[in-house]
Amino acid sequence: MNRKPKIAVIMDENTSSGGDRYDISKSYFAALSRAGAFAVGIPYALEFVDQVIEEFDGFLSVGGRINFPKEWYVEGDQSQYPLSDRLAVEMALMKGFLAQDKPVLGICNGMQMLACLNGCRMVSDVHSSWPGALNHDSSGLCHHVKISGGTRMADIFDAESFSVNTFHREAVVEVSSAVVVTARGTDGVVEAIEVPAYAFAMGLQWHPERLDAESHPGARIFGAFVKAARR
């Protein structure tokens, strides 16, 4: 029997109510399982980082609202979110997996970290920083994204545009030469990226784990991620 690839999933925490417990949606694990992977939640323990990088085939950085370093923001801006023990562990994991060129998928918070570790900058509130920005921070809304042709992600989605959910206040606004924007909202806000220097380093601002796995193009990322982890 073929071994299922093992995916390390950083745990999220309840930063909005004290940060005293791990708090993560089961949907991430279900999506990875459907795609053929075995997913394991990783706690905030720096002493285990090297072992996780060595033993796992890929890394999923999930959504969350934590305090990022000030230098990741445009001049005069900074995070409005609480400090979290997650940051140091997540940064070490993402850097380590990238250094070994193992697949990395970032969702929401994870996309922003992937972008900023590769030279991009962000704003803490896209609604006040981006003229004409849509409401990107609402669990009840969706908006369309346009996929950039000629990218790896365009091949994965096999669609020029589609509607996605939106749960983010922060947004990437300055893109480095190391990063390719693979999707934007109709307002121009960056909605997906890839880092071509790596075999698979991709990020989505939307939450594909909440989309219909059978019919929605935006959920196809999990299949591509797990396929990359098999190599």
C-alpha atoms as a PDB file:
ATOM      1  CA  MET A   1       0.000   0.000   0.000  1.00  0.00           C
ATOM      2  CA  ASN A   2       1.314   3.441  -0.936  1.00  0.00           C
ATOM      3  CA  ARG A   3       2.188   5.601   2.038  1.00  0.00           C
ATOM      4  CA  LYS A   4       0.054   8.706   2.406  1.00  0.00           C
ATOM      5  CA  PRO A   5       2.096  11.910   2.572  1.00  0.00           C
ATOM      6  CA  LYS A   6       2.211  13.444   6.052  1.00  0.00           C
ATOM      7  CA  ILE A   7       1.241  17.101   6.280  1.00  0.00           C
ATOM      8  CA  ALA A   8       2.174  19.242   9.275  1.00  0.00           C
ATOM      9  CA  VAL A   9      -0.645  21.681  10.115  1.00  0.00           C
ATOM     10  CA  ILE A  10       0.209  24.535  12.478  1.00  0.00           C
ATOM     11  CA  MET A  11      -2.455  24.859  15.149  1.00  0.00           C
ATOM     12  CA  ASP A  12      -4.352  28.119  15.524  1.00  0.00           C
ATOM     13  CA  GLU A  13      -5.335  29.561  18.914  1.00  0.00           C
ATOM     14  CA  ASN A  14      -8.138  31.599  20.441  1.00  0.00           C
ATOM     15  CA  THR A  15      -6.286  34.912  20.331  1.00  0.00           C
ATOM     16  CA  SER A  16      -9.564  36.843  20.595  1.00  0.00           C
ATOM     17  CA  SER A  17     -10.346  35.332  23.998  1.00  0.00           C
ATOM     18  CA  GLY A  18      -7.109  35.023  25.878  1.00  0.00           C
ATOM     19  CA  GLY A  19      -5.005  32.621  23.823  1.00  0.00           C
ATOM     20  CA  ASP A  20      -5.335  29.871  26.412  1.00  0.00           C
ATOM     21  CA  ARG A  21      -6.250  27.024  24.043  1.00  0.00           C
ATOM     22  CA  TYR A  22      -5.639  25.709  20.562  1.00  0.00           C
ATOM     23  CA  ASP A  23      -8.554  26.418  18.225  1.00  0.00           C
ATOM     24  CA  ILE A  24      -8.594  25.132  14.654  1.00  0.00           C
ATOM     25  CA  SER A  25     -11.266  24.130  12.154  1.00  0.00           C
ATOM     26  CA  LYS A  26     -11.637  20.434  11.369  1.00  0.00           C
ATOM     27  CA  SER A  27     -12.185  21.449   7.746  1.00  0.00           C
ATOM     28  CA  TYR A  28      -8.440  21.722   7.105  1.00  0.00           C
ATOM     29  CA  PHE A  29      -7.907  18.108   8.132  1.00  0.00           C
ATOM     30  CA  ALA A  30     -10.949  16.916   6.183  1.00  0.00           C
ATOM     31  CA  ALA A  31      -9.745  18.667   3.022  1.00  0.00           C
ATOM     32  CA  LEU A  32      -6.284  17.133   3.289  1.00  0.00           C
ATOM     33  CA  SER A  33      -7.739  13.701   3.991  1.00  0.00           C
ATOM     34  CA  ARG A  34      -9.962  13.923   0.900  1.00  0.00           C
ATOM     35  CA  ALA A  35      -6.888  14.825  -1.123  1.00  0.00           C
ATOM     36  CA  GLY A  36      -5.112  11.692   0.117  1.00  0.00           C
ATOM     37  CA  ALA A  37      -2.886  12.999   2.913  1.00  0.00           C
ATOM     38  CA  PHE A  38      -2.466  12.268   6.608  1.00  0.00           C
ATOM     39  CA  ALA A  39      -2.565  15.568   8.500  1.00  0.00           C
ATOM     40  CA  VAL A  40      -1.229  16.222  12.005  1.00  0.00           C
ATOM     41  CA  GLY A  41      -1.756  19.345  14.124  1.00  0.00           C
ATOM     42  CA  ILE A  42       1.514  20.880  15.333  1.00  0.00           C
ATOM     43  CA  PRO A  43       1.620  22.638  18.735  1.00  0.00           C
ATOM     44  CA  TYR A  44       3.749  25.652  19.639  1.00  0.00           C
ATOM     45  CA  ALA A  45       6.940  23.866  20.675  1.00  0.00           C
ATOM     46  CA  LEU A  46      10.165  25.191  19.143  1.00  0.00           C
ATOM     47  CA  GLU A  47      12.096  22.152  20.326  1.00  0.00           C
ATOM     48  CA  PHE A  48      10.156  19.943  17.888  1.00  0.00           C
ATOM     49  CA  VAL A  49      10.531  22.134  14.788  1.00  0.00           C
ATOM     50  CA  ASP A  50      13.562  20.370  13.300  1.00  0.00           C
ATOM     51  CA  GLN A  51      11.976  16.956  13.808  1.00  0.00           C
ATOM     52  CA  VAL A  52       8.729  18.058  12.167  1.00  0.00           C
ATOM     53  CA  ILE A  53      10.590  19.456   9.155  1.00  0.00           C
ATOM     54  CA  GLU A  54      12.532  16.218   8.794  1.00  0.00           C
ATOM     55  CA  GLU A  55       9.631  13.794   9.253  1.00  0.00           C
ATOM     56  CA  PHE A  56       6.781  15.536   7.389  1.00  0.00           C
ATOM     57  CA  ASP A  57       6.300  15.881   3.642  1.00  0.00           C
ATOM     58  CA  GLY A  58       4.572  19.273   3.550  1.00  0.00           C
ATOM     59  CA  PHE A  59       3.470  22.216   5.678  1.00  0.00           C
ATOM     60  CA  LEU A  60       0.055  23.886   5.874  1.00  0.00           C
ATOM     61  CA  SER A  61      -0.076  27.330   7.473  1.00  0.00           C
ATOM     62  CA  VAL A  62      -3.712  28.010   8.360  1.00  0.00           C
ATOM     63  CA  GLY A  63      -5.779  31.120   8.910  1.00  0.00           C
ATOM     64  CA  GLY A  64      -5.556  33.115  12.125  1.00  0.00           C
ATOM     65  CA  ARG A  65      -5.156  36.588  13.568  1.00  0.00           C
ATOM     66  CA  ILE A  66      -1.793  37.040  15.241  1.00  0.00           C
ATOM     67  CA  ASN A  67       0.666  39.869  15.675  1.00  0.00           C
ATOM     68  CA  PHE A  68       3.220  39.926  12.844  1.00  0.00           C
ATOM     69  CA  PRO A  69       6.563  41.823  13.020  1.00  0.00           C
ATOM     70  CA  LYS A  70       6.272  45.558  12.417  1.00  0.00           C
ATOM     71  CA  GLU A  71       8.781  45.419   9.562  1.00  0.00           C
ATOM     72  CA  TRP A  72       6.357  43.283   7.562  1.00  0.00           C
ATOM     73  CA  TYR A  73       4.028  46.289   7.212  1.00  0.00           C
ATOM     74  CA  VAL A  74       4.262  49.419   5.100  1.00  0.00           C
ATOM     75  CA  GLU A  75       5.840  52.418   6.773  1.00  0.00           C
ATOM     76  CA  GLY A  76       3.710  53.817   9.603  1.00  0.00           C
ATOM     77  CA  ASP A  77       1.550  50.703   9.949  1.00  0.00           C
ATOM     78  CA  GLN A  78       1.641  47.730  12.313  1.00  0.00           C
ATOM     79  CA  SER A  79      -0.439  44.747  13.406  1.00  0.00           C
ATOM     80  CA  GLN A  80      -3.606  45.311  15.410  1.00  0.00           C
ATOM     81  CA  TYR A  81      -3.788  41.687  16.566  1.00  0.00           C
ATOM     82  CA  PRO A  82      -2.648  40.066  19.846  1.00  0.00           C
ATOM     83  CA  LEU A  83       0.811  38.616  20.370  1.00  0.00           C
ATOM     84  CA  SER A  84       0.914  34.846  19.962  1.00  0.00           C
ATOM     85  CA  ASP A  85       3.298  31.994  20.730  1.00  0.00           C
ATOM     86  CA  ARG A  86       2.339  30.719  17.291  1.00  0.00           C
ATOM     87  CA  LEU A  87       4.503  33.248  15.443  1.00  0.00           C
ATOM     88  CA  ALA A  88       7.981  31.955  16.288  1.00  0.00           C
ATOM     89  CA  VAL A  89       7.071  28.306  15.702  1.00  0.00           C
ATOM     90  CA  GLU A  90       5.236  29.006  12.462  1.00  0.00           C
ATOM     91  CA  MET A  91       8.057  31.124  11.063  1.00  0.00           C
ATOM     92  CA  ALA A  92      10.618  28.442  11.909  1.00  0.00           C
ATOM     93  CA  LEU A  93       8.491  25.736  10.303  1.00  0.00           C
ATOM     94  CA  MET A  94       7.804  27.695   7.126  1.00  0.00           C
ATOM     95  CA  LYS A  95      11.448  28.701   6.708  1.00  0.00           C
ATOM     96  CA  GLY A  96      12.567  25.133   7.361  1.00  0.00           C
ATOM     97  CA  PHE A  97      10.178  23.504   4.902  1.00  0.00           C
ATOM     98  CA  LEU A  98      11.089  26.069   2.241  1.00  0.00           C
ATOM     99  CA  ALA A  99      14.806  25.529   2.864  1.00  0.00           C
ATOM    100  CA  GLN A 100      14.316  21.830   2.110  1.00  0.00           C
ATOM    101  CA  ASP A 101      12.030  22.689  -0.817  1.00  0.00           C
ATOM    102  CA  LYS A 102       9.180  20.723   0.689  1.00  0.00           C
ATOM    103  CA  PRO A 103       5.662  21.898  -0.283  1.00  0.00           C
ATOM    104  CA  VAL A 104       4.217  24.846   1.640  1.00  0.00           C
ATOM    105  CA  LEU A 105       0.604  26.019   1.406  1.00  0.00           C
ATOM    106  CA  GLY A 106      -0.462  29.190   3.199  1.00  0.00           C
ATOM    107  CA  ILE A 107      -4.096  30.071   3.791  1.00  0.00           C
ATOM    108  CA  CYS A 108      -5.088  33.623   4.817  1.00  0.00           C
ATOM    109  CA  ASN A 109      -2.624  34.330   7.674  1.00  0.00           C
ATOM    110  CA  GLY A 110      -0.375  31.712   6.069  1.00  0.00           C
ATOM    111  CA  MET A 111      -0.378  33.464   2.688  1.00  0.00           C
ATOM    112  CA  GLN A 112       0.610  36.723   4.338  1.00  0.00           C
ATOM    113  CA  MET A 113       3.493  35.052   6.168  1.00  0.00           C
ATOM    114  CA  LEU A 114       4.712  33.342   2.997  1.00  0.00           C
ATOM    115  CA  ALA A 115       4.585  36.671   1.177  1.00  0.00           C
ATOM    116  CA  CYS A 116       6.393  38.651   3.863  1.00  0.00           C
ATOM    117  CA  LEU A 117       9.104  36.031   4.355  1.00  0.00           C
ATOM    118  CA  ASN A 118       9.791  36.563   0.659  1.00  0.00           C
ATOM    119  CA  GLY A 119      10.043  40.340   0.736  1.00  0.00           C
ATOM    120  CA  CYS A 120       6.440  41.564   0.458  1.00  0.00           C
ATOM    121  CA  ARG A 121       4.767  44.098   2.732  1.00  0.00           C
ATOM    122  CA  MET A 122       1.206  44.397   3.990  1.00  0.00           C
ATOM    123  CA  VAL A 123      -1.321  46.704   5.631  1.00  0.00           C
ATOM    124  CA  SER A 124      -3.234  46.039   8.829  1.00  0.00           C
ATOM    125  CA  ASP A 125      -6.585  47.234   7.481  1.00  0.00           C
ATOM    126  CA  VAL A 126      -7.209  46.950   3.757  1.00  0.00           C
ATOM    127  CA  HIS A 127     -10.519  48.801   4.028  1.00  0.00           C
ATOM    128  CA  SER A 128      -8.838  52.029   5.150  1.00  0.00           C
ATOM    129  CA  SER A 129      -5.642  51.574   3.112  1.00  0.00           C
ATOM    130  CA  TRP A 130      -6.898  50.493  -0.313  1.00  0.00           C
ATOM    131  CA  PRO A 131      -9.126  52.929  -2.247  1.00  0.00           C
ATOM    132  CA  GLY A 132     -12.361  51.253  -3.289  1.00  0.00           C
ATOM    133  CA  ALA A 133     -11.636  48.037  -1.398  1.00  0.00           C
ATOM    134  CA  LEU A 134     -14.451  45.531  -1.051  1.00  0.00           C
ATOM    135  CA  ASN A 135     -15.494  44.284   2.360  1.00  0.00           C
ATOM    136  CA  HIS A 136     -12.942  41.486   2.757  1.00  0.00           C
ATOM    137  CA  ASP A 137     -13.665  40.715   6.399  1.00  0.00           C
ATOM    138  CA  SER A 138     -17.089  39.110   6.589  1.00  0.00           C
ATOM    139  CA  SER A 139     -18.114  35.494   7.056  1.00  0.00           C
ATOM    140  CA  GLY A 140     -21.328  36.073   5.138  1.00  0.00           C
ATOM    141  CA  LEU A 141     -19.874  37.559   1.959  1.00  0.00           C
ATOM    142  CA  CYS A 142     -18.156  36.292  -1.177  1.00  0.00           C
ATOM    143  CA  HIS A 143     -16.418  38.161  -3.992  1.00  0.00           C
ATOM    144  CA  HIS A 144     -14.898  37.262  -7.344  1.00  0.00           C
ATOM    145  CA  VAL A 145     -11.201  36.775  -8.021  1.00  0.00           C
ATOM    146  CA  LYS A 146      -9.440  36.881 -11.379  1.00  0.00           C
ATOM    147  CA  ILE A 147      -6.695  34.309 -11.906  1.00  0.00           C
ATOM    148  CA  SER A 148      -3.418  35.390 -13.525  1.00  0.00           C
ATOM    149  CA  GLY A 149      -2.744  33.400 -16.698  1.00  0.00           C
ATOM    150  CA  GLY A 150       0.557  31.640 -17.236  1.00  0.00           C
ATOM    151  CA  THR A 151       1.026  30.785 -13.568  1.00  0.00           C
ATOM    152  CA  ARG A 152       1.224  27.399 -11.866  1.00  0.00           C
ATOM    153  CA  MET A 153      -1.897  28.236  -9.940  1.00  0.00           C
ATOM    154  CA  ALA A 154      -3.799  28.971 -13.147  1.00  0.00           C
ATOM    155  CA  ASP A 155      -3.018  25.431 -14.269  1.00  0.00           C
ATOM    156  CA  ILE A 156      -4.320  24.069 -10.948  1.00  0.00           C
ATOM    157  CA  PHE A 157      -7.592  26.008 -10.951  1.00  0.00           C
ATOM    158  CA  ASP A 158      -8.215  25.723 -14.707  1.00  0.00           C
ATOM    159  CA  ALA A 159     -10.523  28.746 -14.499  1.00  0.00           C
ATOM    160  CA  GLU A 160     -10.146  32.426 -15.279  1.00  0.00           C
ATOM    161  CA  SER A 161     -12.291  33.648 -12.381  1.00  0.00           C
ATOM    162  CA  PHE A 162     -14.591  32.424  -9.643  1.00  0.00           C
ATOM    163  CA  SER A 163     -16.224  33.540  -6.395  1.00  0.00           C
ATOM    164  CA  VAL A 164     -14.486  33.018  -3.045  1.00  0.00           C
ATOM    165  CA  ASN A 165     -15.221  33.529   0.631  1.00  0.00           C
ATOM    166  CA  THR A 166     -13.452  36.346   2.457  1.00  0.00           C
ATOM    167  CA  PHE A 167     -12.326  36.614   6.088  1.00  0.00           C
ATOM    168  CA  HIS A 168      -9.329  38.961   6.168  1.00  0.00           C
ATOM    169  CA  ARG A 169      -8.676  42.494   7.352  1.00  0.00           C
ATOM    170  CA  GLU A 170      -4.956  42.547   6.564  1.00  0.00           C
ATOM    171  CA  ALA A 171      -3.685  42.361   2.980  1.00  0.00           C
ATOM    172  CA  VAL A 172      -0.462  42.242   0.988  1.00  0.00           C
ATOM    173  CA  VAL A 173       0.009  45.517  -0.898  1.00  0.00           C
ATOM    174  CA  GLU A 174       3.712  45.618  -1.857  1.00  0.00           C
ATOM    175  CA  VAL A 175       4.897  42.604  -3.852  1.00  0.00           C
ATOM    176  CA  SER A 176       8.579  41.683  -4.135  1.00  0.00           C
ATOM    177  CA  SER A 177      10.328  40.385  -7.241  1.00  0.00           C
ATOM    178  CA  ALA A 178      10.473  36.924  -5.619  1.00  0.00           C
ATOM    179  CA  VAL A 179       6.685  36.596  -5.542  1.00  0.00           C
ATOM    180  CA  VAL A 180       4.131  36.264  -8.335  1.00  0.00           C
ATOM    181  CA  VAL A 181       0.552  37.430  -7.770  1.00  0.00           C
ATOM    182  CA  THR A 182      -1.708  34.667  -9.064  1.00  0.00           C
ATOM    183  CA  ALA A 183      -5.124  36.124  -8.213  1.00  0.00           C
ATOM    184  CA  ARG A 184      -6.647  39.497  -7.380  1.00  0.00           C
ATOM    185  CA  GLY A 185     -10.080  40.577  -6.266  1.00  0.00           C
ATOM    186  CA  THR A 186     -12.175  42.765  -8.537  1.00  0.00           C
ATOM    187  CA  ASP A 187     -10.916  45.693  -6.455  1.00  0.00           C
ATOM    188  CA  GLY A 188      -7.290  44.771  -7.189  1.00  0.00           C
ATOM    189  CA  VAL A 189      -6.471  43.369  -3.744  1.00  0.00           C
ATOM    190  CA  VAL A 190      -3.962  40.493  -3.808  1.00  0.00           C
ATOM    191  CA  GLU A 191      -5.825  37.219  -3.246  1.00  0.00           C
ATOM    192  CA  ALA A 192      -3.247  34.539  -4.108  1.00  0.00           C
ATOM    193  CA  ILE A 193       0.502  34.209  -4.650  1.00  0.00           C
ATOM    194  CA  GLU A 194       3.190  31.719  -5.577  1.00  0.00           C
ATOM    195  CA  VAL A 195       6.960  31.750  -5.083  1.00  0.00           C
ATOM    196  CA  PRO A 196       8.515  30.346  -8.280  1.00  0.00           C
ATOM    197  CA  ALA A 197      11.888  29.609  -6.659  1.00  0.00           C
ATOM    198  CA  TYR A 198      10.353  26.602  -4.905  1.00  0.00           C
ATOM    199  CA  ALA A 199       8.719  23.446  -6.229  1.00  0.00           C
ATOM    200  CA  PHE A 200       5.464  24.306  -4.420  1.00  0.00           C
ATOM    201  CA  ALA A 201       5.088  27.456  -2.320  1.00  0.00           C
ATOM    202  CA  MET A 202       1.616  28.910  -2.715  1.00  0.00           C
ATOM    203  CA  GLY A 203      -0.753  31.062  -0.725  1.00  0.00           C
ATOM    204  CA  LEU A 204      -4.454  31.894  -0.855  1.00  0.00           C
ATOM    205  CA  GLN A 205      -6.229  34.719   0.937  1.00  0.00           C
ATOM    206  CA  TRP A 206      -9.529  32.837   0.808  1.00  0.00           C
ATOM    207  CA  HIS A 207     -10.379  29.637   2.709  1.00  0.00           C
ATOM    208  CA  PRO A 208     -10.478  26.709   0.254  1.00  0.00           C
ATOM    209  CA  GLU A 209     -11.213  24.235   3.058  1.00  0.00           C
ATOM    210  CA  ARG A 210     -14.699  25.795   3.266  1.00  0.00           C
ATOM    211  CA  LEU A 211     -15.423  25.448  -0.446  1.00  0.00           C
ATOM    212  CA  ASP A 212     -17.084  22.485  -2.128  1.00  0.00           C
ATOM    213  CA  ALA A 213     -14.298  20.048  -2.918  1.00  0.00           C
ATOM    214  CA  GLU A 214     -16.141  18.461  -5.831  1.00  0.00           C
ATOM    215  CA  SER A 215     -17.182  21.527  -7.803  1.00  0.00           C
ATOM    216  CA  HIS A 216     -15.282  24.660  -6.765  1.00  0.00           C
ATOM    217  CA  PRO A 217     -12.073  25.496  -8.698  1.00  0.00           C
ATOM    218  CA  GLY A 218     -10.680  27.322  -5.671  1.00  0.00           C
ATOM    219  CA  ALA A 219     -10.602  24.112  -3.636  1.00  0.00           C
ATOM    220  CA  ARG A 220      -8.378  22.267  -6.137  1.00  0.00           C
ATOM    221  CA  ILE A 221      -5.300  23.596  -4.376  1.00  0.00           C
ATOM    222  CA  PHE A 222      -5.408  20.754  -1.841  1.00  0.00           C
ATOM    223  CA  GLY A 223      -5.084  18.077  -4.507  1.00  0.00           C
ATOM    224  CA  ALA A 224      -2.107  19.866  -6.062  1.00  0.00           C
ATOM    225  CA  PHE A 225      -0.506  20.385  -2.637  1.00  0.00           C
ATOM    226  CA  VAL A 226      -0.799  16.727  -1.673  1.00  0.00           C
ATOM    227  CA  LYS A 227       0.432  15.631  -5.095  1.00  0.00           C
ATOM    228  CA  ALA A 228       3.528  17.776  -4.607  1.00  0.00           C
ATOM    229  CA  ALA A 229       4.058  16.233  -1.170  1.00  0.00           C
ATOM    230  CA  ARG A 230       4.190  12.733  -2.682  1.00  0.00           C
ATOM    231  CA  ARG A 231       7.363  13.472  -4.607  1.00  0.00           C
END
